[in-house]
Amino acid sequence: MLKRKIETDLERWHAAPRRTALLVTGARQIGKTYSIRHFARTHYEYVAELNFIENPELISLFSTPRDAKNLLMRLELAVDTPLVPGKTLIFFDEVQQCREIVTAIKFLVDDGRYDYALSGSLLGVELEDIRSVPVGYMSELDMHPLDFEEFCWSQNIGDNIFAVLRDHFEQRREIDAFIHRRLMDLYAKYLVVGGMPAAVDSFCADGSILGVRTIQENIKREYRRDISQYAHKADRLHIRTIYDLVPSELNNPNKRFTFAKIDKTARFQALASDFDWLVGADVAIAAYNVDEPCSPLEMSKERNLFKLFYNDVGLLTGSFLRKTAIEVLDGEPDINYGSIYENAAAQELSAQGFNLYYFNSKKLGELDFLIQDRNDNVLPIEIKSGKSYKRHHAMDNVLAESKYHLDTGYVFGPCNISQEEKILYAPIYTIGLLENH
């Protein structure tokens, strides 16, 4: 099985002195259900699973608010598993189909006899009110496709390697040349395979990229079906068009979305909810333009200027010709990795809990990303895919502006670690070391 970082978070939840219900959120096909099931098998004697898509009749259990005694009596009749106090996890899956679970979960947690886990897809658009459960009753974990470190685990790279990387990154010391080459080779594979568990499993089994691409296309087909099923009828065409346009828009020089390609007559205000749907469903990642690279970034973001990325870089690379995937694997120096590198960077930063922004100024130039760390420091980031990674006029200009008070700029690319004045150069595979936990 694939080792996932969420296992540590599940252990922490289970060890808490007073357990809340646990909600695991994230896009479809990223391993939520599998991770909860695996954890449950190793930590509970009994596991009762209720899937509201496979068994829609279960929704009626929660049709009206009831007390815990009534709810548990109904649950006992609905499952085949014994419900033993202190030894049972009740797992509600595909909860986007059952809005009433929001009301019920408070009663169940208050009762205290069993533990509860919930999961589902499209929760950001279908079940947003589940987050209104009072504090103390619900804990939430965001799950993402495999990041690069998790992918390396699947390729039998041990924790010790990333411990070394973290030390070198913090100390600004060059990484051993052999390790650097090996990790750049693995990163090329990651750019093609991506982090969807089914794709990674397939690649681990036989090393076939064709099998991986088939899985990736099936996942995108599922996402499109979700749009057709869950999005408002009037918005479906626009949302699907936006999703399908992501690869071509990222290949544009400025990588920003062009609204005219969606609907020549529509204004941004009419399309804003369509973009929000994709981001809320966790199938896309947005980076918004800001007026100034200053804290707080959220205060100066411009809603109508943004870049949109797929939630998984493998889904992006899988949208291109097979020839492109081969060139990425072979490290061809003449192809443009820009959009692929940036999507991978957006995915990694998002998985680390960062909100993404970028800065574009006619006078100073454009920075690929801006993020804000736990101490509210603004970190400017440039993503470079070629040998000319030391050419970064926008970064130089922004760092030179004393009014922005930026101490360090980060350039991630095919380079090793080095520090030159205010700029840290680092390998693209280390961008996940900018942790926000």
Protein backbone atom coordinates (compact mmCIF):
# COMPACT_ATOMS: atom_id res chain seq x y z
CA MET A 1 0.00 0.00 0.00
CA LEU A 2 1.03 3.61 -0.48
CA LYS A 3 2.36 5.42 2.57
CA ARG A 4 0.56 8.73 3.11
CA LYS A 5 1.24 11.71 5.36
CA ILE A 6 -2.36 11.78 6.51
CA GLU A 7 -1.59 8.66 8.58
CA THR A 8 0.26 10.87 11.08
CA ASP A 9 -2.72 13.25 11.27
CA LEU A 10 -5.10 10.33 11.84
CA GLU A 11 -2.90 9.07 14.68
CA ARG A 12 -2.94 12.52 16.27
CA TRP A 13 -6.74 12.69 16.04
CA HIS A 14 -7.09 9.23 17.56
CA ALA A 15 -4.74 10.09 20.46
CA ALA A 16 -6.62 13.27 21.43
CA PRO A 17 -8.04 13.15 24.97
CA ARG A 18 -11.50 14.11 23.73
CA ARG A 19 -12.16 12.90 20.23
CA THR A 20 -14.34 14.85 17.86
CA ALA A 21 -15.88 13.50 14.69
CA LEU A 22 -13.30 13.56 11.88
CA LEU A 23 -14.06 15.04 8.46
CA VAL A 24 -11.59 14.22 5.67
CA THR A 25 -12.01 16.52 2.67
CA GLY A 26 -10.50 16.56 -0.79
CA ALA A 27 -11.09 15.78 -4.44
CA ARG A 28 -12.32 12.47 -5.76
CA GLN A 29 -9.75 9.68 -6.31
CA ILE A 30 -7.05 10.98 -3.93
CA GLY A 31 -7.25 8.12 -1.42
CA LYS A 32 -9.55 9.45 1.33
CA THR A 33 -11.69 6.34 1.71
CA TYR A 34 -8.74 3.98 1.46
CA SER A 35 -6.76 5.85 4.11
CA ILE A 36 -9.66 5.91 6.57
CA ARG A 37 -10.40 2.22 6.02
CA HIS A 38 -6.76 1.23 6.51
CA PHE A 39 -6.49 3.30 9.68
CA ALA A 40 -9.77 1.90 11.01
CA ARG A 41 -8.68 -1.72 10.48
CA THR A 42 -5.55 -1.17 12.58
CA HIS A 43 -7.14 0.87 15.39
CA TYR A 44 -10.64 -0.50 15.94
CA GLU A 45 -12.12 -3.93 16.57
CA TYR A 46 -15.28 -3.01 14.68
CA VAL A 47 -15.85 -0.69 11.71
CA ALA A 48 -19.32 0.16 10.41
CA GLU A 49 -19.26 1.85 7.00
CA LEU A 50 -22.23 3.66 5.47
CA ASN A 51 -21.88 4.89 1.88
CA PHE A 52 -24.61 7.30 0.85
CA ILE A 53 -24.04 6.79 -2.90
CA GLU A 54 -23.96 2.99 -2.86
CA ASN A 55 -26.91 2.88 -0.43
CA PRO A 56 -29.00 6.05 -0.93
CA GLU A 57 -31.76 4.65 1.26
CA LEU A 58 -29.49 5.33 4.25
CA ILE A 59 -30.10 9.05 3.82
CA SER A 60 -33.55 8.58 5.33
CA LEU A 61 -31.90 7.66 8.65
CA PHE A 62 -31.07 11.34 9.07
CA SER A 63 -34.13 12.84 7.39
CA THR A 64 -35.21 14.78 10.49
CA PRO A 65 -33.24 15.85 13.56
CA ARG A 66 -33.38 13.21 16.31
CA ASP A 67 -31.63 12.54 19.57
CA ALA A 68 -28.63 10.21 19.78
CA LYS A 69 -30.63 7.29 21.18
CA ASN A 70 -33.00 7.31 18.21
CA LEU A 71 -30.20 7.75 15.68
CA LEU A 72 -28.09 4.93 17.11
CA MET A 73 -31.06 2.58 17.20
CA ARG A 74 -31.56 3.23 13.49
CA LEU A 75 -27.85 2.77 12.79
CA GLU A 76 -27.82 -0.58 14.56
CA LEU A 77 -30.55 -1.78 12.22
CA ALA A 78 -28.81 -0.38 9.13
CA VAL A 79 -25.38 -2.06 9.55
CA ASP A 80 -24.24 -5.66 9.88
CA THR A 81 -21.30 -4.80 12.14
CA PRO A 82 -21.69 -4.99 15.94
CA LEU A 83 -21.63 -1.55 17.53
CA VAL A 84 -19.52 -1.97 20.66
CA PRO A 85 -18.94 1.17 22.77
CA GLY A 86 -15.29 2.22 22.88
CA LYS A 87 -14.27 -0.26 20.16
CA THR A 88 -16.20 0.88 17.08
CA LEU A 89 -15.62 3.47 14.36
CA ILE A 90 -18.67 4.48 12.32
CA PHE A 91 -17.55 5.75 8.92
CA PHE A 92 -19.92 7.84 6.81
CA ASP A 93 -18.67 8.01 3.20
CA GLU A 94 -19.87 10.19 0.30
CA VAL A 95 -21.52 12.53 2.80
CA GLN A 96 -22.14 15.14 0.10
CA GLN A 97 -25.30 13.10 -0.57
CA CYS A 98 -26.61 13.58 2.97
CA ARG A 99 -26.78 17.17 4.19
CA GLU A 100 -28.66 16.11 7.31
CA ILE A 101 -25.49 14.53 8.69
CA VAL A 102 -24.54 18.03 9.87
CA THR A 103 -27.36 18.09 12.40
CA ALA A 104 -26.91 14.47 13.45
CA ILE A 105 -23.18 14.49 14.13
CA LYS A 106 -23.43 16.81 17.15
CA PHE A 107 -25.89 14.43 18.84
CA LEU A 108 -23.68 11.42 18.07
CA VAL A 109 -20.45 12.99 19.32
CA ASP A 110 -22.17 14.18 22.49
CA ASP A 111 -23.34 10.62 23.14
CA GLY A 112 -19.69 9.51 23.16
CA ARG A 113 -20.11 5.75 22.72
CA TYR A 114 -18.47 5.49 19.30
CA ASP A 115 -15.96 7.31 17.12
CA TYR A 116 -17.03 8.87 13.83
CA ALA A 117 -15.25 9.60 10.56
CA LEU A 118 -16.80 11.34 7.56
CA SER A 119 -15.57 11.77 4.02
CA GLY A 120 -16.81 12.79 0.63
CA SER A 121 -16.04 14.70 -2.53
CA LEU A 122 -17.11 18.17 -3.64
CA LEU A 123 -17.66 19.16 -0.03
CA GLY A 124 -16.59 22.72 -0.76
CA VAL A 125 -19.59 23.18 -3.06
CA GLU A 126 -22.12 20.58 -1.95
CA LEU A 127 -21.81 20.52 1.81
CA GLU A 128 -20.19 23.76 2.85
CA ASP A 129 -22.47 24.01 5.88
CA ILE A 130 -20.92 20.89 7.39
CA ARG A 131 -18.17 23.21 8.59
CA SER A 132 -20.77 25.02 10.69
CA VAL A 133 -20.74 22.17 13.23
CA PRO A 134 -19.76 23.82 16.55
CA VAL A 135 -16.12 23.82 17.60
CA GLY A 136 -15.36 20.77 19.66
CA TYR A 137 -17.53 18.42 17.62
CA MET A 138 -15.73 18.23 14.27
CA SER A 139 -12.05 18.12 13.25
CA GLU A 140 -11.17 18.58 9.60
CA LEU A 141 -8.26 17.18 7.57
CA ASP A 142 -7.59 18.33 4.03
CA MET A 143 -6.21 15.59 1.81
CA HIS A 144 -4.42 16.05 -1.50
CA PRO A 145 -2.88 13.89 -4.22
CA LEU A 146 0.53 12.46 -3.30
CA ASP A 147 3.14 15.18 -3.00
CA PHE A 148 6.68 14.53 -4.22
CA GLU A 149 7.89 13.17 -0.89
CA GLU A 150 5.03 10.66 -0.79
CA PHE A 151 5.78 9.70 -4.39
CA CYS A 152 9.40 9.09 -3.42
CA TRP A 153 8.23 6.77 -0.65
CA SER A 154 6.41 4.74 -3.31
CA GLN A 155 9.74 4.48 -5.15
CA ASN A 156 11.49 3.07 -2.06
CA ILE A 157 13.18 6.32 -1.05
CA GLY A 158 13.38 6.37 2.74
CA ASP A 159 12.62 9.16 5.19
CA ASN A 160 16.33 9.68 5.80
CA ILE A 161 16.80 11.24 2.36
CA PHE A 162 14.23 13.95 3.02
CA ALA A 163 15.67 14.49 6.49
CA VAL A 164 18.97 15.26 4.76
CA LEU A 165 17.20 17.55 2.27
CA ARG A 166 15.49 19.47 5.06
CA ASP A 167 18.79 19.96 6.84
CA HIS A 168 20.53 21.17 3.68
CA PHE A 169 17.60 23.43 2.79
CA GLU A 170 17.60 25.05 6.23
CA GLN A 171 21.39 25.39 6.30
CA ARG A 172 21.56 26.60 2.67
CA ARG A 173 24.06 23.86 1.81
CA GLU A 174 24.52 22.16 -1.54
CA ILE A 175 23.03 18.68 -1.94
CA ASP A 176 25.31 15.78 -2.86
CA ALA A 177 25.53 15.62 -6.67
CA PHE A 178 24.49 11.97 -6.90
CA ILE A 179 21.43 12.51 -4.68
CA HIS A 180 20.51 15.62 -6.65
CA ARG A 181 20.64 13.78 -10.00
CA ARG A 182 18.65 10.86 -8.60
CA LEU A 183 15.94 13.14 -7.23
CA MET A 184 15.73 15.16 -10.45
CA ASP A 185 15.19 11.86 -12.32
CA LEU A 186 12.44 10.91 -9.86
CA TYR A 187 10.91 14.36 -10.18
CA ALA A 188 10.68 13.91 -13.96
CA LYS A 189 8.71 10.71 -13.34
CA TYR A 190 6.51 12.53 -10.84
CA LEU A 191 5.70 15.23 -13.40
CA VAL A 192 4.33 12.54 -15.70
CA VAL A 193 2.76 10.12 -13.21
CA GLY A 194 1.50 12.74 -10.78
CA GLY A 195 0.06 11.99 -7.37
CA MET A 196 -3.26 10.24 -7.96
CA PRO A 197 -2.98 6.98 -5.96
CA ALA A 198 -4.35 4.78 -8.76
CA ALA A 199 -1.82 6.22 -11.22
CA VAL A 200 1.05 5.81 -8.76
CA ASP A 201 0.00 2.25 -7.93
CA SER A 202 -0.13 1.40 -11.62
CA PHE A 203 3.30 2.90 -12.24
CA CYS A 204 4.78 1.02 -9.26
CA ALA A 205 3.30 -2.24 -10.57
CA ASP A 206 4.61 -2.23 -14.12
CA GLY A 207 6.30 1.10 -14.91
CA SER A 208 3.94 1.65 -17.85
CA ILE A 209 3.15 5.26 -18.70
CA LEU A 210 0.38 4.19 -21.07
CA GLY A 211 -1.49 2.60 -18.16
CA VAL A 212 -0.97 5.75 -16.12
CA ARG A 213 -2.37 7.95 -18.88
CA THR A 214 -5.47 5.76 -19.15
CA ILE A 215 -6.11 6.15 -15.42
CA GLN A 216 -5.56 9.92 -15.63
CA GLU A 217 -8.07 10.26 -18.44
CA ASN A 218 -10.60 8.19 -16.50
CA ILE A 219 -10.17 10.48 -13.48
CA LYS A 220 -10.75 13.58 -15.60
CA ARG A 221 -13.81 11.87 -17.06
CA GLU A 222 -15.11 11.36 -13.52
CA TYR A 223 -14.51 15.02 -12.73
CA ARG A 224 -16.51 16.00 -15.80
CA ARG A 225 -19.33 13.68 -14.70
CA ASP A 226 -19.32 15.37 -11.30
CA ILE A 227 -19.72 18.71 -13.03
CA SER A 228 -22.69 17.36 -14.96
CA GLN A 229 -24.25 15.87 -11.83
CA TYR A 230 -23.61 18.46 -9.13
CA ALA A 231 -23.16 21.85 -10.79
CA HIS A 232 -26.21 24.01 -11.49
CA LYS A 233 -27.59 23.21 -14.91
CA ALA A 234 -27.05 26.75 -16.20
CA ASP A 235 -23.35 26.65 -15.19
CA ARG A 236 -22.32 23.17 -16.35
CA LEU A 237 -21.15 24.10 -19.85
CA HIS A 238 -19.00 26.99 -18.59
CA ILE A 239 -17.48 24.92 -15.78
CA ARG A 240 -16.55 22.07 -18.11
CA THR A 241 -15.11 24.53 -20.63
CA ILE A 242 -13.00 26.18 -17.92
CA TYR A 243 -11.71 22.82 -16.70
CA ASP A 244 -10.79 21.69 -20.22
CA LEU A 245 -9.08 25.02 -20.98
CA VAL A 246 -6.59 24.81 -18.08
CA PRO A 247 -3.76 23.12 -20.08
CA SER A 248 -3.93 25.57 -22.99
CA GLU A 249 -4.26 28.61 -20.72
CA LEU A 250 -1.19 27.55 -18.73
CA ASN A 251 0.76 27.35 -21.96
CA ASN A 252 0.03 31.00 -22.70
CA PRO A 253 2.95 33.36 -21.98
CA ASN A 254 1.23 35.02 -18.99
CA LYS A 255 -0.69 31.85 -17.91
CA ARG A 256 -3.70 33.94 -16.88
CA PHE A 257 -7.21 32.90 -17.79
CA THR A 258 -8.80 34.59 -20.79
CA PHE A 259 -12.53 34.92 -20.24
CA ALA A 260 -13.33 35.43 -23.94
CA LYS A 261 -12.45 31.79 -24.63
CA ILE A 262 -15.27 30.71 -22.32
CA ASP A 263 -17.96 33.14 -23.44
CA LYS A 264 -17.20 36.21 -25.57
CA THR A 265 -20.12 38.14 -24.12
CA ALA A 266 -19.87 37.15 -20.44
CA ARG A 267 -18.33 39.40 -17.81
CA PHE A 268 -16.20 38.06 -14.98
CA GLN A 269 -18.99 38.57 -12.44
CA ALA A 270 -21.15 36.13 -14.40
CA LEU A 271 -18.38 33.51 -14.47
CA ALA A 272 -16.88 33.96 -10.99
CA SER A 273 -19.04 31.25 -9.40
CA ASP A 274 -17.97 28.80 -12.12
CA PHE A 275 -14.30 29.22 -11.26
CA ASP A 276 -15.17 29.03 -7.56
CA TRP A 277 -17.00 25.73 -8.17
CA LEU A 278 -13.83 24.08 -9.54
CA VAL A 279 -11.68 25.42 -6.70
CA GLY A 280 -14.31 24.52 -4.09
CA ALA A 281 -14.51 20.99 -5.50
CA ASP A 282 -10.71 20.71 -5.06
CA VAL A 283 -10.17 19.77 -8.71
CA ALA A 284 -8.44 23.07 -9.47
CA ILE A 285 -6.07 25.42 -7.65
CA ALA A 286 -6.25 29.19 -8.07
CA ALA A 287 -3.48 31.77 -7.67
CA TYR A 288 -4.76 35.35 -7.50
CA ASN A 289 -3.00 38.52 -8.54
CA VAL A 290 -2.24 41.06 -5.80
CA ASP A 291 -1.74 44.81 -6.07
CA GLU A 292 1.39 44.72 -3.92
CA PRO A 293 3.60 41.95 -2.51
CA CYS A 294 2.82 43.01 1.04
CA SER A 295 1.16 41.40 4.06
CA PRO A 296 -1.69 40.61 4.24
CA LEU A 297 -1.82 39.34 0.68
CA GLU A 298 -5.52 38.49 0.89
CA MET A 299 -6.38 42.17 1.33
CA SER A 300 -4.98 43.19 -2.06
CA LYS A 301 -5.95 40.23 -4.24
CA GLU A 302 -7.81 40.89 -7.47
CA ARG A 303 -10.59 38.35 -8.00
CA ASN A 304 -10.73 38.85 -11.76
CA LEU A 305 -7.00 38.23 -12.38
CA PHE A 306 -5.83 34.70 -11.61
CA LYS A 307 -4.11 31.57 -12.82
CA LEU A 308 -5.82 28.19 -12.62
CA PHE A 309 -3.99 24.88 -12.18
CA TYR A 310 -5.08 21.26 -12.08
CA ASN A 311 -5.05 19.67 -8.62
CA ASP A 312 -2.54 17.11 -9.92
CA VAL A 313 0.38 17.73 -12.26
CA GLY A 314 -0.01 14.25 -13.78
CA LEU A 315 -3.49 15.21 -15.02
CA LEU A 316 -1.93 18.23 -16.72
CA THR A 317 0.94 16.32 -18.35
CA GLY A 318 -1.52 13.60 -19.34
CA SER A 319 -3.44 16.23 -21.33
CA PHE A 320 -0.48 16.76 -23.64
CA LEU A 321 0.80 14.53 -26.42
CA ARG A 322 2.57 11.30 -25.49
CA LYS A 323 5.68 12.81 -27.07
CA THR A 324 5.68 15.51 -24.38
CA ALA A 325 5.59 12.91 -21.60
CA ILE A 326 8.55 11.10 -23.16
CA GLU A 327 10.47 14.38 -23.46
CA VAL A 328 9.79 15.17 -19.79
CA LEU A 329 11.00 11.72 -18.73
CA ASP A 330 14.12 12.07 -20.88
CA GLY A 331 14.84 15.58 -19.57
CA GLU A 332 14.88 17.09 -23.05
CA PRO A 333 16.45 20.55 -22.66
CA ASP A 334 14.58 22.14 -25.58
CA ILE A 335 10.99 21.72 -24.41
CA ASN A 336 9.10 24.27 -22.35
CA TYR A 337 8.53 22.84 -18.87
CA GLY A 338 7.15 26.14 -17.62
CA SER A 339 3.47 25.23 -17.24
CA ILE A 340 4.27 21.74 -15.90
CA TYR A 341 6.76 23.04 -13.33
CA GLU A 342 4.36 25.77 -12.21
CA ASN A 343 1.45 23.35 -11.85
CA ALA A 344 3.63 21.01 -9.77
CA ALA A 345 4.72 23.96 -7.63
CA ALA A 346 1.11 25.11 -7.12
CA GLN A 347 0.09 21.57 -6.15
CA GLU A 348 2.94 21.23 -3.66
CA LEU A 349 2.42 24.63 -2.04
CA SER A 350 -1.32 24.04 -1.80
CA ALA A 351 -0.69 20.66 -0.13
CA GLN A 352 1.46 22.45 2.45
CA GLY A 353 -1.48 24.68 3.34
CA PHE A 354 -0.51 27.88 1.52
CA ASN A 355 -2.94 30.19 -0.24
CA LEU A 356 -1.44 31.15 -3.60
CA TYR A 357 -0.98 34.58 -5.11
CA TYR A 358 1.20 36.18 -7.77
CA PHE A 359 2.31 39.72 -8.56
CA ASN A 360 2.39 41.45 -11.95
CA SER A 361 3.54 44.99 -12.51
CA LYS A 362 4.35 46.78 -15.76
CA LYS A 363 7.23 48.48 -13.99
CA LEU A 364 8.66 45.58 -11.97
CA GLY A 365 7.61 42.47 -13.88
CA GLU A 366 5.79 39.31 -12.81
CA LEU A 367 6.52 36.98 -9.91
CA ASP A 368 5.20 33.45 -10.36
CA PHE A 369 3.99 33.00 -6.77
CA LEU A 370 3.66 34.80 -3.49
CA ILE A 371 2.87 32.98 -0.26
CA GLN A 372 2.61 33.99 3.38
CA ASP A 373 4.25 31.84 6.04
CA ARG A 374 3.01 31.14 9.58
CA ASN A 375 4.73 34.33 10.80
CA ASP A 376 2.94 36.38 8.12
CA ASN A 377 6.15 36.94 6.16
CA VAL A 378 5.62 37.28 2.41
CA LEU A 379 7.80 34.92 0.36
CA PRO A 380 8.29 35.72 -3.34
CA ILE A 381 8.84 32.64 -5.52
CA GLU A 382 10.04 32.17 -9.09
CA ILE A 383 9.79 28.83 -10.90
CA LYS A 384 12.47 28.20 -13.52
CA SER A 385 12.64 25.16 -15.77
CA GLY A 386 15.80 25.87 -17.78
CA LYS A 387 19.48 26.63 -17.41
CA SER A 388 18.88 30.38 -17.28
CA TYR A 389 17.42 30.15 -13.79
CA LYS A 390 19.60 33.04 -12.60
CA ARG A 391 17.77 35.46 -14.88
CA HIS A 392 14.90 36.84 -12.79
CA HIS A 393 14.37 40.53 -13.38
CA ALA A 394 11.04 40.70 -11.55
CA MET A 395 12.52 39.08 -8.45
CA ASP A 396 15.49 41.47 -8.51
CA ASN A 397 13.22 44.48 -8.92
CA VAL A 398 10.81 43.50 -6.14
CA LEU A 399 13.58 42.67 -3.66
CA ALA A 400 15.21 46.03 -4.40
CA GLU A 401 12.02 47.93 -3.43
CA SER A 402 12.63 48.88 0.19
CA LYS A 403 8.93 49.60 0.82
CA TYR A 404 8.09 45.91 0.42
CA HIS A 405 10.48 44.77 3.20
CA LEU A 406 11.19 41.41 1.54
CA ASP A 407 14.24 39.68 2.99
CA THR A 408 14.52 36.59 0.78
CA GLY A 409 13.45 35.52 -2.68
CA TYR A 410 13.18 31.85 -3.66
CA VAL A 411 14.07 30.52 -7.11
CA PHE A 412 13.20 26.86 -7.66
CA GLY A 413 14.46 25.06 -10.74
CA PRO A 414 16.82 22.33 -11.98
CA CYS A 415 19.60 23.84 -9.87
CA ASN A 416 21.27 22.79 -6.62
CA ILE A 417 21.05 24.80 -3.38
CA SER A 418 22.99 28.04 -3.19
CA GLN A 419 22.51 31.47 -1.63
CA GLU A 420 23.44 34.65 -3.47
CA GLU A 421 22.70 37.81 -1.53
CA LYS A 422 18.92 37.87 -0.94
CA ILE A 423 18.09 34.99 -3.28
CA LEU A 424 17.99 31.31 -2.38
CA TYR A 425 18.32 28.95 -5.35
CA ALA A 426 16.96 25.47 -4.69
CA PRO A 427 15.97 22.33 -6.64
CA ILE A 428 12.37 22.26 -7.79
CA TYR A 429 11.85 19.06 -5.81
CA THR A 430 12.47 20.95 -2.52
CA ILE A 431 9.59 23.42 -2.86
CA GLY A 432 7.51 21.26 -0.49
CA LEU A 433 10.04 22.03 2.25
CA LEU A 434 8.36 25.46 2.57
CA GLU A 435 6.03 24.03 5.19
CA ASN A 436 3.12 25.93 6.68
CA HIS A 437 2.10 23.66 9.55
